[in-house]
C-alpha atoms as a PDB file:
ATOM      1  CA  MET A   1      25.074  33.820 -28.969  1.00  0.00           C
ATOM      2  CA  ALA A   2      24.484  31.313 -31.708  1.00  0.00           C
ATOM      3  CA  ASN A   3      21.586  28.953 -32.309  1.00  0.00           C
ATOM      4  CA  VAL A   4      22.329  25.250 -32.190  1.00  0.00           C
ATOM      5  CA  ASN A   5      20.142  22.912 -34.193  1.00  0.00           C
ATOM      6  CA  LEU A   6      20.122  19.213 -33.353  1.00  0.00           C
ATOM      7  CA  PRO A   7      18.681  16.542 -35.606  1.00  0.00           C
ATOM      8  CA  ALA A   8      15.252  15.414 -34.337  1.00  0.00           C
ATOM      9  CA  PRO A   9      16.356  11.835 -33.464  1.00  0.00           C
ATOM     10  CA  VAL A  10      19.198  13.159 -31.288  1.00  0.00           C
ATOM     11  CA  ALA A  11      16.858  15.570 -29.501  1.00  0.00           C
ATOM     12  CA  PHE A  12      14.277  12.813 -28.880  1.00  0.00           C
ATOM     13  CA  ALA A  13      16.962  10.418 -27.614  1.00  0.00           C
ATOM     14  CA  GLY A  14      18.257  13.077 -25.220  1.00  0.00           C
ATOM     15  CA  ALA A  15      14.745  13.757 -23.914  1.00  0.00           C
ATOM     16  CA  ALA A  16      14.119  10.029 -23.447  1.00  0.00           C
ATOM     17  CA  LEU A  17      17.360   9.622 -21.501  1.00  0.00           C
ATOM     18  CA  CYS A  18      16.465  12.556 -19.237  1.00  0.00           C
ATOM     19  CA  ALA A  19      13.006  11.116 -18.571  1.00  0.00           C
ATOM     20  CA  LEU A  20      14.414   7.655 -17.855  1.00  0.00           C
ATOM     21  CA  GLY A  21      17.048   9.116 -15.531  1.00  0.00           C
ATOM     22  CA  GLY A  22      14.392  11.077 -13.633  1.00  0.00           C
ATOM     23  CA  TYR A  23      12.236   7.991 -13.287  1.00  0.00           C
ATOM     24  CA  LEU A  24      15.118   5.894 -11.950  1.00  0.00           C
ATOM     25  CA  ILE A  25      16.123   8.572  -9.453  1.00  0.00           C
ATOM     26  CA  GLY A  26      12.504   8.808  -8.292  1.00  0.00           C
ATOM     27  CA  VAL A  27      12.237   5.044  -7.819  1.00  0.00           C
ATOM     28  CA  VAL A  28      15.486   4.788  -5.877  1.00  0.00           C
ATOM     29  CA  ALA A  29      15.253   7.971  -3.812  1.00  0.00           C
ATOM     30  CA  GLY A  30      11.474   8.405  -3.648  1.00  0.00           C
ATOM     31  CA  PRO A  31       9.116   7.430  -0.842  1.00  0.00           C
ATOM     32  CA  ASP A  32       8.046   3.837  -0.267  1.00  0.00           C
ATOM     33  CA  THR A  33       4.713   2.990  -1.816  1.00  0.00           C
ATOM     34  CA  THR A  34       2.062   0.876  -0.209  1.00  0.00           C
ATOM     35  CA  SER A  35       2.091  -2.746  -1.181  1.00  0.00           C
ATOM     36  CA  ARG A  36      -0.650  -5.314  -0.980  1.00  0.00           C
ATOM     37  CA  THR A  37       0.207  -8.179   1.328  1.00  0.00           C
ATOM     38  CA  THR A  38      -1.592 -11.284   2.501  1.00  0.00           C
ATOM     39  CA  ALA A  39      -2.300 -12.357   6.081  1.00  0.00           C
ATOM     40  CA  GLU A  40      -4.651 -14.642   7.991  1.00  0.00           C
ATOM     41  CA  VAL A  41      -7.873 -13.383   9.573  1.00  0.00           C
ATOM     42  CA  VAL A  42      -7.911 -13.811  13.360  1.00  0.00           C
ATOM     43  CA  SER A  43     -11.268 -12.153  13.983  1.00  0.00           C
ATOM     44  CA  TYR A  44     -13.856  -9.834  12.477  1.00  0.00           C
ATOM     45  CA  ASP A  45     -16.628  -7.941  14.291  1.00  0.00           C
ATOM     46  CA  ALA A  46     -19.403  -7.079  11.812  1.00  0.00           C
ATOM     47  CA  ASP A  47     -20.948  -4.452  14.110  1.00  0.00           C
ATOM     48  CA  SER A  48     -17.813  -2.336  14.571  1.00  0.00           C
ATOM     49  CA  HIS A  49     -16.061  -3.515  11.369  1.00  0.00           C
ATOM     50  CA  GLU A  50     -12.950  -4.288  13.430  1.00  0.00           C
ATOM     51  CA  LEU A  51     -10.696  -6.757  11.644  1.00  0.00           C
ATOM     52  CA  CYS A  52      -7.660  -8.448  13.195  1.00  0.00           C
ATOM     53  CA  LEU A  53      -4.964 -10.124  11.094  1.00  0.00           C
ATOM     54  CA  THR A  54      -1.837 -12.136  11.810  1.00  0.00           C
ATOM     55  CA  GLY A  55       1.059 -13.574   9.818  1.00  0.00           C
ATOM     56  CA  ASP A  56       4.549 -12.790   8.571  1.00  0.00           C
ATOM     57  CA  ALA A  57       3.388  -9.776   6.558  1.00  0.00           C
ATOM     58  CA  VAL A  58       1.723  -8.275   9.636  1.00  0.00           C
ATOM     59  CA  ALA A  59       4.724  -8.756  11.941  1.00  0.00           C
ATOM     60  CA  ASP A  60       6.811  -6.332   9.854  1.00  0.00           C
ATOM     61  CA  LEU A  61       4.252  -3.507   9.955  1.00  0.00           C
ATOM     62  CA  GLN A  62       4.668  -0.509  12.225  1.00  0.00           C
ATOM     63  CA  GLU A  63       0.975  -0.655  13.183  1.00  0.00           C
ATOM     64  CA  SER A  64       1.123  -4.251  14.422  1.00  0.00           C
ATOM     65  CA  ASP A  65       1.144  -5.153  18.086  1.00  0.00           C
ATOM     66  CA  ASP A  66       2.870  -8.446  18.983  1.00  0.00           C
ATOM     67  CA  GLY A  67       2.419  -9.818  15.442  1.00  0.00           C
ATOM     68  CA  ARG A  68      -1.253  -8.879  15.317  1.00  0.00           C
ATOM     69  CA  LEU A  69      -2.831  -6.039  13.343  1.00  0.00           C
ATOM     70  CA  CYS A  70      -6.279  -4.721  14.206  1.00  0.00           C
ATOM     71  CA  GLY A  71      -8.147  -1.888  12.536  1.00  0.00           C
ATOM     72  CA  THR A  72     -11.318  -0.792  10.802  1.00  0.00           C
ATOM     73  CA  TRP A  73     -12.011  -2.782   7.619  1.00  0.00           C
ATOM     74  CA  ARG A  74     -12.904  -0.861   4.456  1.00  0.00           C
ATOM     75  CA  SER A  75     -13.875  -2.649   1.235  1.00  0.00           C
ATOM     76  CA  ALA A  76     -16.257  -2.846  -1.666  1.00  0.00           C
ATOM     77  CA  GLN A  77     -19.854  -3.551  -0.685  1.00  0.00           C
ATOM     78  CA  ARG A  78     -19.998  -6.906  -2.460  1.00  0.00           C
ATOM     79  CA  SER A  79     -16.911  -8.322  -0.742  1.00  0.00           C
ATOM     80  CA  PRO A  80     -17.489 -11.447   1.334  1.00  0.00           C
ATOM     81  CA  ARG A  81     -17.171 -10.943   5.074  1.00  0.00           C
ATOM     82  CA  PRO A  82     -13.891 -12.219   6.451  1.00  0.00           C
ATOM     83  CA  GLN A  83     -14.048 -15.232   8.736  1.00  0.00           C
ATOM     84  CA  GLU A  84     -11.443 -16.676  11.069  1.00  0.00           C
ATOM     85  CA  GLY A  85      -8.785 -18.538   9.089  1.00  0.00           C
ATOM     86  CA  ASP A  86      -9.450 -16.779   5.746  1.00  0.00           C
ATOM     87  CA  GLN A  87      -6.530 -15.474   3.705  1.00  0.00           C
ATOM     88  CA  PHE A  88      -6.878 -11.719   3.366  1.00  0.00           C
ATOM     89  CA  ARG A  89      -5.057  -9.420   0.902  1.00  0.00           C
ATOM     90  CA  PHE A  90      -4.776  -5.889   2.268  1.00  0.00           C
ATOM     91  CA  VAL A  91      -3.207  -2.438   2.445  1.00  0.00           C
ATOM     92  CA  VAL A  92      -2.928  -0.559   5.746  1.00  0.00           C
ATOM     93  CA  MET A  93      -3.317   3.185   6.213  1.00  0.00           C
ATOM     94  CA  SER A  94      -3.002   5.000   9.517  1.00  0.00           C
ATOM     95  CA  SER A  95      -3.990   8.521  10.415  1.00  0.00           C
ATOM     96  CA  GLU A  96      -3.360  10.517  13.538  1.00  0.00           C
ATOM     97  CA  GLY A  97      -5.798  13.134  14.718  1.00  0.00           C
ATOM     98  CA  GLN A  98      -6.456  14.717  18.098  1.00  0.00           C
ATOM     99  CA  GLY A  99      -3.814  12.526  19.732  1.00  0.00           C
ATOM    100  CA  GLU A 100      -5.471   9.335  18.525  1.00  0.00           C
ATOM    101  CA  VAL A 101      -4.201   6.937  15.854  1.00  0.00           C
ATOM    102  CA  SER A 102      -6.763   5.305  13.566  1.00  0.00           C
ATOM    103  CA  THR A 103      -5.827   2.250  11.539  1.00  0.00           C
ATOM    104  CA  PHE A 104      -7.785   1.364   8.389  1.00  0.00           C
ATOM    105  CA  ILE A 105      -7.401  -1.952   6.600  1.00  0.00           C
ATOM    106  CA  TYR A 106      -8.386  -1.908   2.925  1.00  0.00           C
ATOM    107  CA  GLY A 107      -8.715  -5.281   1.268  1.00  0.00           C
ATOM    108  CA  ASP A 108     -10.656  -8.425   0.565  1.00  0.00           C
ATOM    109  CA  VAL A 109     -10.728 -12.132   1.252  1.00  0.00           C
ATOM    110  CA  VAL A 110      -8.608 -14.125  -1.190  1.00  0.00           C
ATOM    111  CA  GLU A 111     -10.861 -16.601  -2.957  1.00  0.00           C
END
């Protein structure tokens, strides 16, 4: 077996191409990432933190029911409380435990 020595620029170019190829394969074949979308606030209950949203972005979500998404709102403490008619930018996460599905809405009112 013989040793093969490549010039440093050729080795770096080869490594860069491998990394780029891996990234592209990961983007195309990898899992979908969450995306922030905007919807309109239908209602918000401050006691239970239940937030309901509607709009085109909500209609496409698996968690929505008849074009309406309701779940527990999670946000930073200084965020303004959502009111009916507000535009709301959000990400949805669902978890299933003990036969029950919990929906959490992370986001804030668009100012």
